[in-house]
Amino acid sequence: MVQKAYKFRFYPTPEQEILLLRILGCIHLIYNKALATRTQAWHEHPERVSYKQTSAILTSWKKPEYLSFLPEVSSVVLQQSLRYLKTASNNLFSGHTKYPNSKKKRNVGSATFTKSAFKCKDGQVYLAKYAEQLYIRWSRQLLLGCIPSTIAISDANWGELVKQLEYKAQWYSRTLIKIDRYFPSSKRYSNCIHIVEKLSLNIRQWDCPESASHHDSYLNASINILATGQAVSVWVATVRPEESKSRRASTMKQKALNIDELGIFRKCLVG
């Protein structure tokens, strides 16, 4: 399942900025204390500390007087920091990453609020334990008839365009097919497959010298791209099934080898 996210900028007041910095500081503190607890338990026994255990310890951490400021922060963001630590620990024992690092003060970090820790009311966002609204800069729609006039196709970032298309295709379970960047989509006539040697960018319409048919540059290129993309999709689905099986077998062998290596790695840690 693809999870969608939206990013908005907001401008906190001086009081809100202090509160948000306090939240981030508490997150760093809880994350580092939980990491130290996991490290100590591993070196002494050794045993792994679960998320449920660190969540229970979090309640006891709020009781001492020198940590009396922790209850002022929503427990949701503190629990989320423990979940992130659990994910980092699981990635360590699965061999994907190295040992988790402690949070540094110079790194601002982030805070995660789940649905139970904030609410939206009348177009405003309110965080748990804070009555004042956040001043968020929401997205705004362009006025009707407002067409940008200073944009040229040569200024387009095609890599970013492909990136956007790839993840949007995943949203709707679609397959994005890319053709070769040097494919002559504009120079090739869609009716007779004749390729002209030179074609200036300022030429938008022309007549084919072979079939004498009239062409529009953009329409002709789109037809060629569509036909080539469909041919590529058919070729990928049918080409060399034996080769696909051999690649699949080699991939399975590689995964099995990695699993064996991870097993040895775990045994060394335990022993």
Protein backbone atom coordinates (compact mmCIF):
# COMPACT_ATOMS: atom_id res chain seq x y z
CA MET A 1 0.00 0.00 0.00
CA VAL A 2 1.35 3.41 -0.98
CA GLN A 3 1.22 6.01 1.80
CA LYS A 4 0.67 9.55 0.60
CA ALA A 5 2.20 12.54 2.38
CA TYR A 6 1.87 16.27 1.95
CA LYS A 7 4.36 18.90 3.01
CA PHE A 8 3.31 22.37 4.17
CA ARG A 9 5.28 25.26 5.61
CA PHE A 10 4.15 26.95 8.79
CA TYR A 11 5.38 29.97 10.72
CA PRO A 12 5.35 29.49 14.52
CA THR A 13 5.08 32.35 16.95
CA PRO A 14 7.99 32.86 19.40
CA GLU A 15 6.01 31.01 22.08
CA GLN A 16 5.24 28.14 19.71
CA GLU A 17 8.86 27.94 18.64
CA ILE A 18 9.92 27.45 22.26
CA LEU A 19 7.31 24.73 22.73
CA LEU A 20 8.33 22.94 19.53
CA LEU A 21 12.00 23.05 20.50
CA ARG A 22 11.03 21.57 23.85
CA ILE A 23 9.24 18.73 22.05
CA LEU A 24 12.30 18.02 19.91
CA GLY A 25 14.55 18.11 22.97
CA CYS A 26 12.34 15.61 24.80
CA ILE A 27 12.34 13.33 21.76
CA HIS A 28 16.15 13.36 21.67
CA LEU A 29 16.30 12.66 25.40
CA ILE A 30 13.89 9.70 25.33
CA TYR A 31 15.51 8.23 22.21
CA ASN A 32 19.00 8.38 23.74
CA LYS A 33 17.84 6.97 27.10
CA ALA A 34 16.06 4.09 25.37
CA LEU A 35 19.11 3.43 23.20
CA ALA A 36 21.33 3.37 26.30
CA THR A 37 18.91 0.94 27.97
CA ARG A 38 18.99 -1.39 24.98
CA THR A 39 22.79 -1.21 24.78
CA GLN A 40 23.25 -1.93 28.49
CA ALA A 41 20.84 -4.88 28.41
CA TRP A 42 22.64 -6.36 25.42
CA HIS A 43 26.11 -6.11 26.99
CA GLU A 44 25.05 -7.45 30.40
CA HIS A 45 22.88 -10.46 29.52
CA PRO A 46 22.82 -10.32 26.35
CA GLU A 47 19.17 -9.85 25.49
CA ARG A 48 17.11 -7.62 23.25
CA VAL A 49 14.80 -5.04 24.78
CA SER A 50 11.44 -4.85 23.02
CA TYR A 51 9.41 -1.78 22.23
CA LYS A 52 6.83 -2.83 24.83
CA GLN A 53 9.50 -2.83 27.53
CA THR A 54 10.84 0.60 26.62
CA SER A 55 7.27 1.92 26.50
CA ALA A 56 6.74 0.71 30.08
CA ILE A 57 10.04 2.26 31.17
CA LEU A 58 8.96 5.57 29.64
CA THR A 59 6.25 5.86 32.29
CA SER A 60 8.82 5.53 35.08
CA TRP A 61 11.07 8.13 33.46
CA LYS A 62 8.37 10.78 33.88
CA LYS A 63 8.25 10.41 37.68
CA PRO A 64 11.63 11.85 38.86
CA GLU A 65 11.63 15.54 39.65
CA TYR A 66 14.52 16.31 37.30
CA LEU A 67 12.42 14.95 34.42
CA SER A 68 9.18 16.62 35.49
CA PHE A 69 9.00 18.46 32.15
CA LEU A 70 8.33 15.25 30.19
CA PRO A 71 4.58 15.10 31.01
CA GLU A 72 4.23 18.56 29.45
CA VAL A 73 4.92 16.97 26.05
CA SER A 74 2.43 14.73 24.26
CA SER A 75 3.22 11.09 24.95
CA VAL A 76 2.46 10.26 21.31
CA VAL A 77 5.63 11.88 19.96
CA LEU A 78 7.70 10.16 22.64
CA GLN A 79 6.17 6.78 21.79
CA GLN A 80 6.90 7.41 18.12
CA SER A 81 10.58 8.00 18.89
CA LEU A 82 10.64 4.60 20.61
CA ARG A 83 9.05 3.03 17.53
CA TYR A 84 11.73 4.55 15.32
CA LEU A 85 14.37 3.11 17.65
CA LYS A 86 12.68 -0.30 17.39
CA THR A 87 12.85 -0.06 13.59
CA ALA A 88 16.53 0.88 13.75
CA SER A 89 17.20 -2.09 16.05
CA ASN A 90 15.35 -4.49 13.74
CA ASN A 91 17.35 -3.20 10.77
CA LEU A 92 20.55 -3.83 12.73
CA PHE A 93 19.76 -7.48 13.48
CA SER A 94 18.56 -8.06 9.93
CA GLY A 95 21.93 -6.84 8.62
CA HIS A 96 20.60 -3.79 6.78
CA THR A 97 22.24 -1.04 8.86
CA LYS A 98 24.88 -0.45 11.50
CA TYR A 99 24.30 0.19 15.19
CA PRO A 100 21.94 3.14 15.79
CA ASN A 101 23.54 6.46 16.66
CA SER A 102 22.41 8.70 19.47
CA LYS A 103 20.61 11.94 18.68
CA LYS A 104 22.78 15.06 18.65
CA LYS A 105 21.70 18.50 19.85
CA ARG A 106 23.00 20.15 16.71
CA ASN A 107 20.56 18.09 14.62
CA VAL A 108 17.11 19.63 14.80
CA GLY A 109 15.30 16.38 14.05
CA SER A 110 11.55 15.93 13.65
CA ALA A 111 8.44 14.99 15.60
CA THR A 112 5.67 12.65 14.47
CA PHE A 113 2.09 13.28 15.58
CA THR A 114 -0.42 10.53 14.87
CA LYS A 115 -4.15 11.13 14.41
CA SER A 116 -4.78 11.03 18.15
CA ALA A 117 -2.27 13.82 18.82
CA PHE A 118 -3.65 16.57 16.58
CA LYS A 119 -6.91 17.77 15.11
CA CYS A 120 -8.02 19.91 12.20
CA LYS A 121 -10.85 22.35 12.86
CA ASP A 122 -12.08 25.09 10.52
CA GLY A 123 -8.96 24.79 8.38
CA GLN A 124 -6.62 25.09 11.38
CA VAL A 125 -4.32 22.52 13.01
CA TYR A 126 -4.09 22.04 16.78
CA LEU A 127 -1.50 19.86 18.50
CA ALA A 128 -2.14 17.83 21.64
CA LYS A 129 -1.63 19.78 24.90
CA TYR A 130 -1.36 23.08 23.01
CA ALA A 131 -4.46 25.23 22.63
CA GLU A 132 -3.01 27.71 20.14
CA GLN A 133 -3.40 26.99 16.43
CA LEU A 134 -0.48 26.59 14.03
CA TYR A 135 -0.19 29.15 11.26
CA ILE A 136 0.22 26.88 8.26
CA ARG A 137 0.72 28.10 4.73
CA TRP A 138 -1.77 25.93 2.84
CA SER A 139 -1.68 25.25 -0.88
CA ARG A 140 -3.49 27.83 -3.00
CA GLN A 141 -5.14 27.31 -6.36
CA LEU A 142 -4.34 29.59 -9.27
CA LEU A 143 -6.99 32.02 -10.43
CA LEU A 144 -9.07 31.06 -13.43
CA GLY A 145 -7.40 32.09 -16.66
CA CYS A 146 -4.01 32.59 -14.98
CA ILE A 147 -1.49 31.00 -17.35
CA PRO A 148 2.28 31.26 -16.66
CA SER A 149 3.92 33.07 -19.56
CA THR A 150 7.60 32.84 -18.56
CA ILE A 151 7.95 29.05 -18.70
CA ALA A 152 9.76 27.35 -21.58
CA ILE A 153 9.93 23.62 -22.25
CA SER A 154 13.73 23.88 -22.28
CA ASP A 155 13.59 24.88 -18.61
CA ALA A 156 11.82 21.67 -17.61
CA ASN A 157 13.61 19.28 -15.26
CA TRP A 158 12.88 16.01 -17.05
CA GLY A 159 14.50 13.90 -14.35
CA GLU A 160 12.13 15.34 -11.77
CA LEU A 161 9.20 14.84 -14.16
CA VAL A 162 10.04 11.14 -14.52
CA LYS A 163 10.42 10.84 -10.74
CA GLN A 164 6.98 12.34 -10.20
CA LEU A 165 5.43 10.06 -12.80
CA GLU A 166 7.04 6.96 -11.27
CA TYR A 167 5.63 7.40 -7.79
CA LYS A 168 2.24 8.55 -9.07
CA ALA A 169 2.10 5.42 -11.23
CA GLN A 170 2.65 3.38 -8.06
CA TRP A 171 -0.29 5.12 -6.42
CA TYR A 172 -2.69 3.84 -9.06
CA SER A 173 -0.95 0.47 -9.79
CA ARG A 174 0.20 1.57 -13.22
CA THR A 175 3.41 0.78 -15.13
CA LEU A 176 5.55 3.64 -16.38
CA ILE A 177 7.40 2.78 -19.61
CA LYS A 178 10.38 4.90 -20.66
CA ILE A 179 11.71 4.84 -24.21
CA ASP A 180 15.25 5.64 -25.30
CA ARG A 181 16.13 9.31 -24.90
CA TYR A 182 17.64 9.41 -28.41
CA PHE A 183 14.60 7.90 -30.12
CA PRO A 184 13.71 10.20 -33.09
CA SER A 185 10.09 10.76 -32.11
CA SER A 186 9.81 14.09 -33.96
CA LYS A 187 11.92 13.22 -37.02
CA ARG A 188 10.14 9.92 -37.64
CA TYR A 189 6.88 10.11 -39.58
CA SER A 190 4.19 8.06 -37.87
CA ASN A 191 2.45 6.99 -41.12
CA CYS A 192 5.32 5.71 -43.26
CA ILE A 193 8.14 5.40 -40.65
CA HIS A 194 10.35 7.67 -42.77
CA ILE A 195 13.04 9.51 -40.77
CA VAL A 196 14.09 12.97 -41.85
CA GLU A 197 17.76 13.85 -41.41
CA LYS A 198 17.35 17.38 -40.03
CA LEU A 199 14.41 19.04 -38.32
CA SER A 200 14.69 22.46 -36.68
CA LEU A 201 12.93 23.14 -33.40
CA ASN A 202 11.06 26.09 -34.87
CA ILE A 203 9.29 23.86 -37.43
CA ARG A 204 5.91 22.83 -36.02
CA GLN A 205 4.21 21.46 -39.16
CA TRP A 206 5.52 19.88 -42.36
CA ASP A 207 4.70 17.49 -45.20
CA CYS A 208 6.31 14.06 -45.42
CA PRO A 209 8.46 13.75 -48.60
CA GLU A 210 7.64 10.03 -48.87
CA SER A 211 3.87 9.85 -48.27
CA ALA A 212 3.05 13.54 -48.83
CA SER A 213 0.99 13.52 -45.62
CA HIS A 214 0.77 16.57 -43.39
CA HIS A 215 2.09 16.29 -39.83
CA ASP A 216 1.98 18.30 -36.63
CA SER A 217 5.26 18.09 -34.73
CA TYR A 218 3.86 17.45 -31.24
CA LEU A 219 1.07 15.15 -32.39
CA ASN A 220 3.46 13.13 -34.57
CA ALA A 221 5.94 12.75 -31.70
CA SER A 222 3.21 11.66 -29.26
CA ILE A 223 1.98 8.98 -31.69
CA ASN A 224 5.52 7.62 -32.11
CA ILE A 225 6.16 7.62 -28.35
CA LEU A 226 2.89 5.78 -27.69
CA ALA A 227 3.59 3.14 -30.34
CA THR A 228 7.16 2.62 -29.13
CA GLY A 229 6.07 2.37 -25.51
CA GLN A 230 3.46 -0.24 -26.35
CA ALA A 231 6.03 -2.22 -28.31
CA VAL A 232 8.47 -2.07 -25.38
CA SER A 233 5.81 -3.32 -22.94
CA VAL A 234 5.00 -6.30 -25.18
CA TRP A 235 8.71 -7.07 -25.65
CA VAL A 236 9.41 -7.00 -21.91
CA ALA A 237 6.50 -9.36 -21.23
CA THR A 238 7.54 -11.97 -23.81
CA VAL A 239 11.32 -11.82 -24.24
CA ARG A 240 13.42 -14.82 -23.19
CA PRO A 241 11.41 -16.60 -20.48
CA GLU A 242 14.33 -19.02 -19.96
CA GLU A 243 16.61 -16.10 -19.15
CA SER A 244 14.09 -14.76 -16.66
CA LYS A 245 14.01 -18.12 -14.87
CA SER A 246 17.78 -18.25 -14.66
CA ARG A 247 17.91 -14.73 -13.27
CA ARG A 248 15.24 -15.61 -10.73
CA ALA A 249 17.21 -18.68 -9.66
CA SER A 250 20.42 -16.69 -9.26
CA THR A 251 18.54 -14.10 -7.21
CA MET A 252 17.19 -16.82 -4.92
CA LYS A 253 20.69 -18.23 -4.47
CA GLN A 254 21.99 -14.79 -3.60
CA LYS A 255 19.25 -14.28 -1.01
CA ALA A 256 19.95 -17.67 0.53
CA LEU A 257 23.63 -16.79 0.74
CA ASN A 258 22.84 -13.53 2.44
CA ILE A 259 20.60 -15.31 4.93
CA ASP A 260 23.38 -17.74 5.77
CA GLU A 261 25.83 -14.91 6.27
CA LEU A 262 23.36 -13.13 8.53
CA GLY A 263 22.91 -16.29 10.54
CA ILE A 264 26.65 -16.50 11.12
CA PHE A 265 26.70 -12.82 12.05
CA ARG A 266 23.94 -13.30 14.61
CA LYS A 267 25.66 -16.33 16.08
CA CYS A 268 28.86 -14.33 16.52
CA LEU A 269 26.93 -11.62 18.36
CA VAL A 270 25.27 -14.11 20.68
CA GLY A 271 28.40 -16.15 21.27
